[in-house]
Each structure stands twice: as structure tokens, then as C-alpha cells.
Amino acid sequence: MGRPEMNVALVCGPDCDMETQAVRASLEYFGARVFTYWVGRPHDLISVLTGEDLYPDTDMILLNFHGDEGKLIMPELDESIYEDGEPHGDFGPGEIKRFAMLHGKTVIASGCTLGDPATAKAFMESGCLAYIGPDDYPDGSMALMFVIRFFYEMIHHKKDIKEAFHLARAVDEDMSMYRLYQ
């Protein structure tokens, strides 16, 4: 492999492993270097959001999670499993504001309702260059298609974020639920 086209952090939430594998294979085929992070507990996500465990030259962060009401759905753990200070429950705007330090990063959240304005605002306030997510409930194949088309346009056609977003959104009328915040 020569120099990668871009470095992508692919963060896999609970029950998203099949889509994560499809995205990873596609992005690597396009020429991206993909670092996969498997989230089994809140601290796994926090270490990415704070940058503590993030590869230094990461260009994009893809949060491959299920979502509901603007929150990333987190694994359900027994109360005895949580570490001191580890948040319980799903990650919404409050948790994002508390932990995220993503200066200059582009974040794509593929899960349902993760394009909610409050969620997007929390990510943008963490220093994101751009944030993308659906404001409704896409089915899994739609989310996969959006992400693959977006990265295909950026990597193969050298489109900027805005152009790649519009081309991915144009795949079909249901893609209109995706929002770009800059």
C-alpha cells in the first residue's frame, strides 16, 4: 500500500459490526487507511472523542452507531461494570460537550437522528470542521450507501466535504434526511 488517501477512524457501536466491516472494506479498497475502534463501554468512546486514543493524523471520524432522539446508543452494562466517573446510558449532547475535543476533525454519525441540531451543535462546539448525520431514521442499507458514496467522491473524485455530501445525498430522495453542519 502506498501513501493512504486519508486516515479514517471508524468507531463501531453496539450491534453495528456488519456495517462496520462493509464500510472498512470499501474505504480500504478506495485507498483510505482505516483504524477501527470497537466500543464495548463508555470509556472506549470517550478515548476517541477526547483524542486520547485517536491516531494523530486522523482526517475523518465515522461514528457507526445506532441512534435515537439525537443520542448515540451505548452498550448496556451491569451497574457493577462501570468504572469511576464513567457515564451510564446513551451519549447525547451533554456527554458530547463534556468529553469531545475534535478540533479540525470531520465527524460523520451514521445512526438514526444523529443529525439532530442539538447533537450537531455539541460536536461543532468541540471544534469539528464539519459534522454530518441524518435527522430521521434511515434504514441500514441507506446509511451504508450514503457513507460509501460520500467517501468515494472524496477519495476518487477529490471532492471537498460539501460537494461529496451533496453527491451522496443525491443518490435518492430519502437521502434528504442527511444534514451537513459547518
N, C-alpha and C. Protein backbone atom coordinates (compact mmCIF):
# COMPACT_ATOMS: atom_id res chain seq x y z
N MET A 1 0.85 -1.19 0.00
CA MET A 1 0.00 0.00 0.00
C MET A 1 0.88 1.23 0.00
N GLY A 2 0.62 2.12 -0.90
CA GLY A 2 1.32 3.38 -0.94
C GLY A 2 0.77 4.32 0.12
N ARG A 3 1.07 5.55 -0.01
CA ARG A 3 0.56 6.55 0.93
C ARG A 3 -0.97 6.55 0.88
N PRO A 4 -1.63 6.46 2.03
CA PRO A 4 -3.10 6.41 2.03
C PRO A 4 -3.70 7.75 1.59
N GLU A 5 -4.86 7.67 0.99
CA GLU A 5 -5.59 8.87 0.55
C GLU A 5 -6.05 9.70 1.73
N MET A 6 -6.47 9.03 2.81
CA MET A 6 -6.87 9.71 4.04
C MET A 6 -6.86 8.68 5.16
N ASN A 7 -6.84 9.19 6.39
CA ASN A 7 -6.91 8.33 7.57
C ASN A 7 -8.29 8.49 8.20
N VAL A 8 -8.96 7.37 8.39
CA VAL A 8 -10.33 7.38 8.89
C VAL A 8 -10.41 6.58 10.19
N ALA A 9 -10.97 7.18 11.22
CA ALA A 9 -11.29 6.47 12.45
C ALA A 9 -12.72 5.95 12.31
N LEU A 10 -12.87 4.66 12.32
CA LEU A 10 -14.17 4.01 12.19
C LEU A 10 -14.54 3.48 13.56
N VAL A 11 -15.52 4.09 14.20
CA VAL A 11 -15.87 3.79 15.58
C VAL A 11 -17.18 2.99 15.57
N CYS A 12 -17.08 1.72 16.00
CA CYS A 12 -18.21 0.80 15.92
C CYS A 12 -18.94 0.69 17.24
N GLY A 13 -20.21 1.09 17.23
CA GLY A 13 -21.06 0.95 18.40
C GLY A 13 -21.69 -0.42 18.46
N PRO A 14 -22.51 -0.66 19.48
CA PRO A 14 -23.14 -1.97 19.65
C PRO A 14 -24.03 -2.35 18.48
N ASP A 15 -23.96 -3.59 18.07
CA ASP A 15 -24.79 -4.16 17.02
C ASP A 15 -24.61 -3.48 15.66
N CYS A 16 -23.41 -2.97 15.41
CA CYS A 16 -23.11 -2.32 14.13
C CYS A 16 -21.94 -2.97 13.41
N ASP A 17 -21.59 -4.18 13.82
CA ASP A 17 -20.38 -4.81 13.30
C ASP A 17 -20.44 -5.16 11.82
N MET A 18 -21.59 -5.60 11.31
CA MET A 18 -21.67 -5.96 9.89
C MET A 18 -21.49 -4.73 9.00
N GLU A 19 -22.16 -3.63 9.35
CA GLU A 19 -22.00 -2.40 8.58
C GLU A 19 -20.57 -1.88 8.70
N THR A 20 -19.99 -1.98 9.87
CA THR A 20 -18.61 -1.53 10.07
C THR A 20 -17.66 -2.31 9.17
N GLN A 21 -17.84 -3.61 9.08
CA GLN A 21 -16.98 -4.42 8.21
C GLN A 21 -17.14 -4.02 6.75
N ALA A 22 -18.37 -3.75 6.32
CA ALA A 22 -18.61 -3.35 4.93
C ALA A 22 -17.96 -1.99 4.64
N VAL A 23 -18.11 -1.06 5.57
CA VAL A 23 -17.52 0.27 5.39
C VAL A 23 -16.00 0.16 5.37
N ARG A 24 -15.45 -0.57 6.30
CA ARG A 24 -13.99 -0.69 6.36
C ARG A 24 -13.43 -1.28 5.07
N ALA A 25 -14.03 -2.37 4.60
CA ALA A 25 -13.55 -2.99 3.36
C ALA A 25 -13.63 -2.02 2.19
N SER A 26 -14.73 -1.29 2.09
CA SER A 26 -14.90 -0.33 0.98
C SER A 26 -13.88 0.79 1.06
N LEU A 27 -13.72 1.39 2.23
CA LEU A 27 -12.79 2.50 2.37
C LEU A 27 -11.35 2.07 2.11
N GLU A 28 -10.98 0.90 2.60
CA GLU A 28 -9.63 0.42 2.34
C GLU A 28 -9.44 0.14 0.84
N TYR A 29 -10.46 -0.37 0.19
CA TYR A 29 -10.39 -0.60 -1.25
C TYR A 29 -10.22 0.72 -2.01
N PHE A 30 -10.85 1.80 -1.48
CA PHE A 30 -10.72 3.12 -2.11
C PHE A 30 -9.34 3.73 -1.87
N GLY A 31 -8.59 3.21 -0.91
CA GLY A 31 -7.26 3.73 -0.63
C GLY A 31 -7.12 4.44 0.70
N ALA A 32 -8.12 4.39 1.54
CA ALA A 32 -8.03 5.02 2.86
C ALA A 32 -7.34 4.06 3.84
N ARG A 33 -6.71 4.63 4.84
CA ARG A 33 -6.20 3.86 5.97
C ARG A 33 -7.27 3.96 7.06
N VAL A 34 -7.77 2.81 7.49
CA VAL A 34 -8.89 2.79 8.43
C VAL A 34 -8.43 2.21 9.77
N PHE A 35 -8.68 2.95 10.83
CA PHE A 35 -8.42 2.50 12.19
C PHE A 35 -9.77 2.22 12.82
N THR A 36 -10.01 0.97 13.18
CA THR A 36 -11.31 0.59 13.72
C THR A 36 -11.25 0.54 15.24
N TYR A 37 -12.22 1.18 15.85
CA TYR A 37 -12.35 1.22 17.30
C TYR A 37 -13.66 0.53 17.67
N TRP A 38 -13.57 -0.52 18.47
CA TRP A 38 -14.74 -1.28 18.89
C TRP A 38 -15.17 -0.78 20.27
N VAL A 39 -16.38 -0.25 20.36
CA VAL A 39 -16.87 0.32 21.61
C VAL A 39 -17.64 -0.73 22.40
N GLY A 40 -17.09 -1.08 23.54
CA GLY A 40 -17.74 -2.02 24.43
C GLY A 40 -18.21 -1.39 25.72
N ARG A 41 -17.73 -0.16 25.96
CA ARG A 41 -18.09 0.57 27.18
C ARG A 41 -17.90 2.06 26.92
N PRO A 42 -18.46 2.93 27.76
CA PRO A 42 -18.35 4.37 27.52
C PRO A 42 -16.91 4.88 27.39
N HIS A 43 -15.99 4.38 28.20
CA HIS A 43 -14.61 4.87 28.11
C HIS A 43 -13.98 4.61 26.75
N ASP A 44 -14.42 3.57 26.04
CA ASP A 44 -13.90 3.31 24.69
C ASP A 44 -14.25 4.47 23.76
N LEU A 45 -15.47 4.95 23.84
CA LEU A 45 -15.89 6.10 23.02
C LEU A 45 -15.23 7.38 23.51
N ILE A 46 -15.17 7.56 24.81
CA ILE A 46 -14.56 8.77 25.37
C ILE A 46 -13.10 8.90 24.91
N SER A 47 -12.36 7.79 24.86
CA SER A 47 -10.95 7.87 24.45
C SER A 47 -10.79 8.33 23.01
N VAL A 48 -11.79 8.08 22.19
CA VAL A 48 -11.76 8.59 20.81
C VAL A 48 -12.19 10.06 20.80
N LEU A 49 -13.28 10.38 21.49
CA LEU A 49 -13.79 11.76 21.49
C LEU A 49 -12.81 12.76 22.08
N THR A 50 -12.02 12.35 23.07
CA THR A 50 -11.04 13.25 23.67
C THR A 50 -9.76 13.32 22.85
N GLY A 51 -9.60 12.38 21.92
CA GLY A 51 -8.39 12.30 21.12
C GLY A 51 -7.31 11.46 21.77
N GLU A 52 -7.53 10.98 23.00
CA GLU A 52 -6.54 10.18 23.72
C GLU A 52 -6.11 8.94 22.94
N ASP A 53 -7.07 8.27 22.30
CA ASP A 53 -6.76 7.03 21.59
C ASP A 53 -6.89 7.20 20.07
N LEU A 54 -6.92 8.43 19.61
CA LEU A 54 -7.12 8.70 18.20
C LEU A 54 -5.78 8.80 17.49
N TYR A 55 -5.64 8.08 16.36
CA TYR A 55 -4.42 8.15 15.57
C TYR A 55 -4.14 9.61 15.24
N PRO A 56 -2.89 10.09 15.40
CA PRO A 56 -2.60 11.52 15.27
C PRO A 56 -3.00 12.18 13.95
N ASP A 57 -2.90 11.49 12.84
CA ASP A 57 -3.20 12.11 11.55
C ASP A 57 -4.58 11.75 11.03
N THR A 58 -5.53 11.53 11.92
CA THR A 58 -6.88 11.16 11.50
C THR A 58 -7.54 12.34 10.80
N ASP A 59 -8.07 12.08 9.61
CA ASP A 59 -8.77 13.12 8.86
C ASP A 59 -10.27 13.14 9.16
N MET A 60 -10.85 11.95 9.26
CA MET A 60 -12.30 11.81 9.44
C MET A 60 -12.59 10.82 10.55
N ILE A 61 -13.70 11.06 11.24
CA ILE A 61 -14.18 10.13 12.25
C ILE A 61 -15.59 9.71 11.84
N LEU A 62 -15.77 8.42 11.68
CA LEU A 62 -17.08 7.88 11.34
C LEU A 62 -17.62 7.15 12.56
N LEU A 63 -18.68 7.70 13.15
CA LEU A 63 -19.33 7.09 14.30
C LEU A 63 -20.43 6.18 13.77
N ASN A 64 -20.13 4.90 13.71
CA ASN A 64 -21.06 3.92 13.18
C ASN A 64 -21.86 3.33 14.35
N PHE A 65 -22.88 4.06 14.75
CA PHE A 65 -23.71 3.73 15.90
C PHE A 65 -25.17 3.74 15.50
N HIS A 66 -25.98 3.04 16.27
CA HIS A 66 -27.41 3.28 16.21
C HIS A 66 -27.66 4.55 17.00
N GLY A 67 -28.72 5.25 16.64
CA GLY A 67 -29.06 6.46 17.36
C GLY A 67 -30.55 6.55 17.61
N ASP A 68 -30.91 7.36 18.58
CA ASP A 68 -32.31 7.62 18.88
C ASP A 68 -32.40 8.95 19.61
N GLU A 69 -33.29 9.80 19.14
CA GLU A 69 -33.52 11.12 19.73
C GLU A 69 -32.22 11.90 19.89
N GLY A 70 -31.35 11.82 18.89
CA GLY A 70 -30.11 12.58 18.89
C GLY A 70 -29.02 12.02 19.78
N LYS A 71 -29.18 10.80 20.26
CA LYS A 71 -28.18 10.20 21.14
C LYS A 71 -27.58 8.95 20.50
N LEU A 72 -26.27 8.76 20.71
CA LEU A 72 -25.61 7.53 20.29
C LEU A 72 -25.98 6.44 21.30
N ILE A 73 -26.50 5.33 20.82
CA ILE A 73 -26.90 4.25 21.71
C ILE A 73 -25.66 3.48 22.15
N MET A 74 -25.48 3.42 23.46
CA MET A 74 -24.31 2.78 24.05
C MET A 74 -24.65 1.39 24.56
N PRO A 75 -23.62 0.57 24.78
CA PRO A 75 -23.86 -0.77 25.34
C PRO A 75 -24.49 -0.66 26.72
N GLU A 76 -25.38 -1.58 27.02
CA GLU A 76 -25.97 -1.65 28.35
C GLU A 76 -25.10 -2.55 29.21
N LEU A 77 -24.57 -1.99 30.29
CA LEU A 77 -23.70 -2.73 31.18
C LEU A 77 -24.37 -2.89 32.55
N ASP A 78 -23.98 -3.93 33.24
CA ASP A 78 -24.42 -4.08 34.62
C ASP A 78 -23.79 -2.95 35.44
N GLU A 79 -24.51 -2.44 36.42
CA GLU A 79 -24.02 -1.33 37.23
C GLU A 79 -22.64 -1.62 37.84
N SER A 80 -22.35 -2.88 38.15
CA SER A 80 -21.08 -3.24 38.77
C SER A 80 -19.90 -3.14 37.81
N ILE A 81 -20.17 -3.01 36.52
CA ILE A 81 -19.13 -3.00 35.49
C ILE A 81 -18.56 -1.59 35.26
N TYR A 82 -19.36 -0.56 35.48
CA TYR A 82 -18.91 0.80 35.20
C TYR A 82 -17.72 1.19 36.07
N GLU A 83 -16.80 1.92 35.48
CA GLU A 83 -15.64 2.45 36.20
C GLU A 83 -16.02 3.78 36.83
N ASP A 84 -15.21 4.25 37.77
CA ASP A 84 -15.47 5.53 38.43
C ASP A 84 -15.53 6.65 37.39
N GLY A 85 -16.56 7.45 37.46
CA GLY A 85 -16.71 8.59 36.57
C GLY A 85 -17.20 8.26 35.17
N GLU A 86 -17.41 6.99 34.89
CA GLU A 86 -17.87 6.59 33.56
C GLU A 86 -19.37 6.84 33.44
N PRO A 87 -19.79 7.58 32.42
CA PRO A 87 -21.23 7.86 32.28
C PRO A 87 -22.04 6.59 31.99
N HIS A 88 -23.24 6.59 32.49
CA HIS A 88 -24.19 5.48 32.25
C HIS A 88 -25.18 5.93 31.20
N GLY A 89 -25.59 5.05 30.35
CA GLY A 89 -26.61 5.37 29.36
C GLY A 89 -26.04 5.86 28.05
N ASP A 90 -26.94 6.36 27.22
CA ASP A 90 -26.57 6.79 25.87
C ASP A 90 -25.85 8.13 25.88
N PHE A 91 -25.14 8.43 24.77
CA PHE A 91 -24.38 9.67 24.64
C PHE A 91 -25.15 10.67 23.81
N GLY A 92 -25.59 11.73 24.47
CA GLY A 92 -26.28 12.82 23.80
C GLY A 92 -25.44 14.08 23.83
N PRO A 93 -26.06 15.22 23.55
CA PRO A 93 -25.32 16.48 23.51
C PRO A 93 -24.55 16.78 24.80
N GLY A 94 -25.12 16.46 25.95
CA GLY A 94 -24.42 16.73 27.22
C GLY A 94 -23.12 15.99 27.35
N GLU A 95 -23.13 14.70 27.02
CA GLU A 95 -21.91 13.90 27.10
C GLU A 95 -20.90 14.32 26.04
N ILE A 96 -21.40 14.69 24.87
CA ILE A 96 -20.51 15.14 23.80
C ILE A 96 -19.81 16.43 24.23
N LYS A 97 -20.58 17.37 24.78
CA LYS A 97 -19.98 18.62 25.26
C LYS A 97 -18.96 18.36 26.36
N ARG A 98 -19.24 17.38 27.19
CA ARG A 98 -18.36 17.08 28.33
C ARG A 98 -17.02 16.48 27.89
N PHE A 99 -17.03 15.65 26.85
CA PHE A 99 -15.82 14.88 26.51
C PHE A 99 -15.16 15.24 25.18
N ALA A 100 -15.90 15.65 24.19
CA ALA A 100 -15.34 15.78 22.84
C ALA A 100 -14.38 16.95 22.72
N MET A 101 -13.23 16.67 22.11
CA MET A 101 -12.21 17.66 21.76
C MET A 101 -11.72 17.29 20.36
N LEU A 102 -12.45 17.73 19.35
CA LEU A 102 -12.24 17.24 17.99
C LEU A 102 -11.85 18.37 17.04
N HIS A 103 -10.94 19.21 17.47
CA HIS A 103 -10.52 20.37 16.69
C HIS A 103 -10.03 19.97 15.30
N GLY A 104 -10.68 20.56 14.28
CA GLY A 104 -10.28 20.35 12.90
C GLY A 104 -10.71 19.03 12.29
N LYS A 105 -11.48 18.23 13.01
CA LYS A 105 -11.91 16.92 12.50
C LYS A 105 -13.28 17.04 11.84
N THR A 106 -13.51 16.15 10.89
CA THR A 106 -14.84 15.99 10.31
C THR A 106 -15.43 14.73 10.91
N VAL A 107 -16.65 14.83 11.41
CA VAL A 107 -17.33 13.70 12.03
C VAL A 107 -18.58 13.38 11.25
N ILE A 108 -18.74 12.09 10.93
CA ILE A 108 -19.96 11.60 10.31
C ILE A 108 -20.57 10.60 11.28
N ALA A 109 -21.82 10.82 11.64
CA ALA A 109 -22.53 9.90 12.52
C ALA A 109 -23.64 9.27 11.69
N SER A 110 -23.57 7.96 11.50
CA SER A 110 -24.47 7.31 10.55
C SER A 110 -25.80 6.90 11.14
N GLY A 111 -25.95 6.93 12.46
CA GLY A 111 -27.15 6.41 13.10
C GLY A 111 -28.35 7.31 13.05
N CYS A 112 -29.49 6.72 13.29
CA CYS A 112 -30.77 7.43 13.27
C CYS A 112 -30.75 8.65 14.18
N THR A 113 -31.25 9.74 13.68
CA THR A 113 -31.44 11.03 14.36
C THR A 113 -30.15 11.69 14.86
N LEU A 114 -28.99 11.18 14.48
CA LEU A 114 -27.75 11.78 14.97
C LEU A 114 -27.41 13.08 14.24
N GLY A 115 -28.23 13.46 13.27
CA GLY A 115 -28.11 14.77 12.63
C GLY A 115 -28.98 15.80 13.33
N ASP A 116 -29.50 15.46 14.49
CA ASP A 116 -30.30 16.38 15.29
C ASP A 116 -29.50 17.66 15.54
N PRO A 117 -30.13 18.84 15.41
CA PRO A 117 -29.39 20.09 15.58
C PRO A 117 -28.64 20.22 16.91
N ALA A 118 -29.23 19.75 18.02
CA ALA A 118 -28.54 19.85 19.31
C ALA A 118 -27.30 18.97 19.35
N THR A 119 -27.39 17.79 18.78
CA THR A 119 -26.24 16.89 18.72
C THR A 119 -25.15 17.49 17.83
N ALA A 120 -25.56 18.00 16.68
CA ALA A 120 -24.60 18.63 15.77
C ALA A 120 -23.93 19.82 16.42
N LYS A 121 -24.70 20.63 17.13
CA LYS A 121 -24.14 21.81 17.81
C LYS A 121 -23.08 21.39 18.83
N ALA A 122 -23.36 20.34 19.58
CA ALA A 122 -22.38 19.86 20.57
C ALA A 122 -21.09 19.45 19.89
N PHE A 123 -21.18 18.75 18.77
CA PHE A 123 -19.97 18.35 18.05
C PHE A 123 -19.26 19.57 17.47
N MET A 124 -20.00 20.49 16.90
CA MET A 124 -19.36 21.68 16.32
C MET A 124 -18.67 22.51 17.41
N GLU A 125 -19.26 22.59 18.58
CA GLU A 125 -18.64 23.33 19.69
C GLU A 125 -17.38 22.64 20.20
N SER A 126 -17.21 21.35 19.88
CA SER A 126 -15.99 20.63 20.28
C SER A 126 -14.83 20.93 19.34
N GLY A 127 -15.10 21.73 18.30
CA GLY A 127 -14.04 22.12 17.37
C GLY A 127 -14.10 21.44 16.02
N CYS A 128 -15.14 20.68 15.75
CA CYS A 128 -15.24 19.99 14.46
C CYS A 128 -15.22 20.97 13.30
N LEU A 129 -14.58 20.57 12.24
CA LEU A 129 -14.60 21.32 10.98
C LEU A 129 -15.97 21.17 10.33
N ALA A 130 -16.52 19.94 10.40
CA ALA A 130 -17.83 19.66 9.83
C ALA A 130 -18.43 18.47 10.58
N TYR A 131 -19.76 18.41 10.55
CA TYR A 131 -20.49 17.30 11.17
C TYR A 131 -21.63 16.91 10.24
N ILE A 132 -21.80 15.60 10.03
CA ILE A 132 -22.83 15.09 9.13
C ILE A 132 -23.60 13.99 9.84
N GLY A 133 -24.93 14.01 9.70
CA GLY A 133 -25.75 12.93 10.24
C GLY A 133 -27.18 13.07 9.75
N PRO A 134 -27.96 11.98 9.83
CA PRO A 134 -29.37 12.04 9.42
C PRO A 134 -30.24 12.58 10.56
N ASP A 135 -31.26 13.35 10.20
CA ASP A 135 -32.15 13.87 11.24
C ASP A 135 -33.42 13.04 11.37
N ASP A 136 -33.44 11.88 10.72
CA ASP A 136 -34.59 10.97 10.76
C ASP A 136 -34.04 9.55 10.94
N TYR A 137 -34.81 8.57 10.51
CA TYR A 137 -34.48 7.17 10.74
C TYR A 137 -34.19 6.43 9.43
N PRO A 138 -32.92 6.49 8.92
CA PRO A 138 -32.59 5.75 7.70
C PRO A 138 -32.49 4.26 8.01
N ASP A 139 -32.81 3.44 7.02
CA ASP A 139 -32.56 2.02 7.24
C ASP A 139 -31.05 1.78 7.05
N GLY A 140 -30.59 0.62 7.49
CA GLY A 140 -29.16 0.34 7.48
C GLY A 140 -28.52 0.42 6.11
N SER A 141 -29.22 -0.05 5.08
CA SER A 141 -28.61 -0.01 3.75
C SER A 141 -28.48 1.42 3.24
N MET A 142 -29.40 2.30 3.64
CA MET A 142 -29.31 3.71 3.24
C MET A 142 -28.10 4.36 3.90
N ALA A 143 -27.91 4.12 5.18
CA ALA A 143 -26.77 4.70 5.89
C ALA A 143 -25.46 4.22 5.28
N LEU A 144 -25.39 2.93 4.97
CA LEU A 144 -24.20 2.36 4.35
C LEU A 144 -23.95 3.00 2.99
N MET A 145 -24.98 3.12 2.18
CA MET A 145 -24.83 3.71 0.85
C MET A 145 -24.38 5.16 0.91
N PHE A 146 -24.94 5.92 1.85
CA PHE A 146 -24.55 7.32 2.00
C PHE A 146 -23.06 7.42 2.31
N VAL A 147 -22.61 6.66 3.29
CA VAL A 147 -21.21 6.72 3.71
C VAL A 147 -20.27 6.30 2.59
N ILE A 148 -20.60 5.22 1.92
CA ILE A 148 -19.73 4.75 0.84
C ILE A 148 -19.65 5.76 -0.30
N ARG A 149 -20.79 6.30 -0.69
CA ARG A 149 -20.78 7.30 -1.78
C ARG A 149 -20.02 8.56 -1.36
N PHE A 150 -20.22 9.00 -0.13
CA PHE A 150 -19.52 10.18 0.38
C PHE A 150 -18.00 10.00 0.27
N PHE A 151 -17.50 8.89 0.79
CA PHE A 151 -16.06 8.66 0.77
C PHE A 151 -15.55 8.39 -0.65
N TYR A 152 -16.34 7.74 -1.47
CA TYR A 152 -15.96 7.51 -2.86
C TYR A 152 -15.72 8.86 -3.56
N GLU A 153 -16.62 9.80 -3.37
CA GLU A 153 -16.48 11.11 -4.01
C GLU A 153 -15.26 11.86 -3.47
N MET A 154 -15.02 11.77 -2.18
CA MET A 154 -13.87 12.48 -1.61
C MET A 154 -12.55 11.87 -2.08
N ILE A 155 -12.48 10.54 -2.06
CA ILE A 155 -11.21 9.88 -2.36
C ILE A 155 -10.95 9.80 -3.86
N HIS A 156 -11.91 9.31 -4.63
CA HIS A 156 -11.66 9.09 -6.06
C HIS A 156 -11.84 10.34 -6.92
N HIS A 157 -12.76 11.18 -6.54
CA HIS A 157 -13.01 12.38 -7.35
C HIS A 157 -12.49 13.66 -6.72
N LYS A 158 -11.82 13.51 -5.57
CA LYS A 158 -11.17 14.64 -4.89
C LYS A 158 -12.15 15.77 -4.58
N LYS A 159 -13.38 15.42 -4.28
CA LYS A 159 -14.39 16.42 -3.93
C LYS A 159 -14.15 16.89 -2.51
N ASP A 160 -14.52 18.12 -2.23
CA ASP A 160 -14.44 18.59 -0.85
C ASP A 160 -15.65 18.07 -0.08
N ILE A 161 -15.70 18.33 1.19
CA ILE A 161 -16.76 17.79 2.05
C ILE A 161 -18.14 18.18 1.55
N LYS A 162 -18.30 19.43 1.23
CA LYS A 162 -19.62 19.92 0.80
C LYS A 162 -20.07 19.26 -0.51
N GLU A 163 -19.16 19.18 -1.48
CA GLU A 163 -19.51 18.54 -2.76
C GLU A 163 -19.81 17.06 -2.59
N ALA A 164 -18.97 16.36 -1.82
CA ALA A 164 -19.18 14.93 -1.60
C ALA A 164 -20.50 14.69 -0.86
N PHE A 165 -20.81 15.56 0.08
CA PHE A 165 -22.08 15.45 0.82
C PHE A 165 -23.26 15.56 -0.14
N HIS A 166 -23.24 16.57 -0.99
CA HIS A 166 -24.37 16.77 -1.91
C HIS A 166 -24.51 15.62 -2.92
N LEU A 167 -23.40 15.08 -3.37
CA LEU A 167 -23.46 13.95 -4.30
C LEU A 167 -23.99 12.69 -3.60
N ALA A 168 -23.56 12.45 -2.37
CA ALA A 168 -24.06 11.29 -1.62
C ALA A 168 -25.55 11.46 -1.31
N ARG A 169 -25.95 12.66 -1.01
CA ARG A 169 -27.35 12.95 -0.69
C ARG A 169 -28.25 12.81 -1.91
N ALA A 170 -27.68 12.98 -3.10
CA ALA A 170 -28.45 12.93 -4.34
C ALA A 170 -28.72 11.51 -4.83
N VAL A 171 -28.22 10.48 -4.12
CA VAL A 171 -28.43 9.10 -4.54
C VAL A 171 -29.92 8.80 -4.71
N ASP A 172 -30.72 9.22 -3.75
CA ASP A 172 -32.18 9.12 -3.89
C ASP A 172 -32.85 10.12 -2.95
N GLU A 173 -34.14 10.29 -3.11
CA GLU A 173 -34.85 11.33 -2.34
C GLU A 173 -34.86 11.07 -0.84
N ASP A 174 -34.75 9.82 -0.42
CA ASP A 174 -34.73 9.52 1.01
C ASP A 174 -33.46 10.03 1.69
N MET A 175 -32.42 10.26 0.93
CA MET A 175 -31.17 10.77 1.50
C MET A 175 -31.28 12.22 1.96
N SER A 176 -32.40 12.87 1.68
CA SER A 176 -32.57 14.27 2.09
C SER A 176 -32.56 14.44 3.60
N MET A 177 -32.65 13.34 4.35
CA MET A 177 -32.60 13.43 5.81
C MET A 177 -31.19 13.71 6.34
N TYR A 178 -30.17 13.58 5.49
CA TYR A 178 -28.80 13.85 5.93
C TYR A 178 -28.55 15.35 5.97
N ARG A 179 -27.90 15.77 7.02
CA ARG A 179 -27.60 17.19 7.24
C ARG A 179 -26.09 17.39 7.36
N LEU A 180 -25.64 18.51 6.83
CA LEU A 180 -24.25 18.92 6.93
C LEU A 180 -24.18 20.20 7.75
N TYR A 181 -23.38 20.18 8.76
CA TYR A 181 -23.16 21.36 9.62
C TYR A 181 -21.70 21.76 9.48
N GLN A 182 -21.46 23.05 9.19
CA GLN A 182 -20.07 23.56 9.08
C GLN A 182 -19.96 24.87 9.80
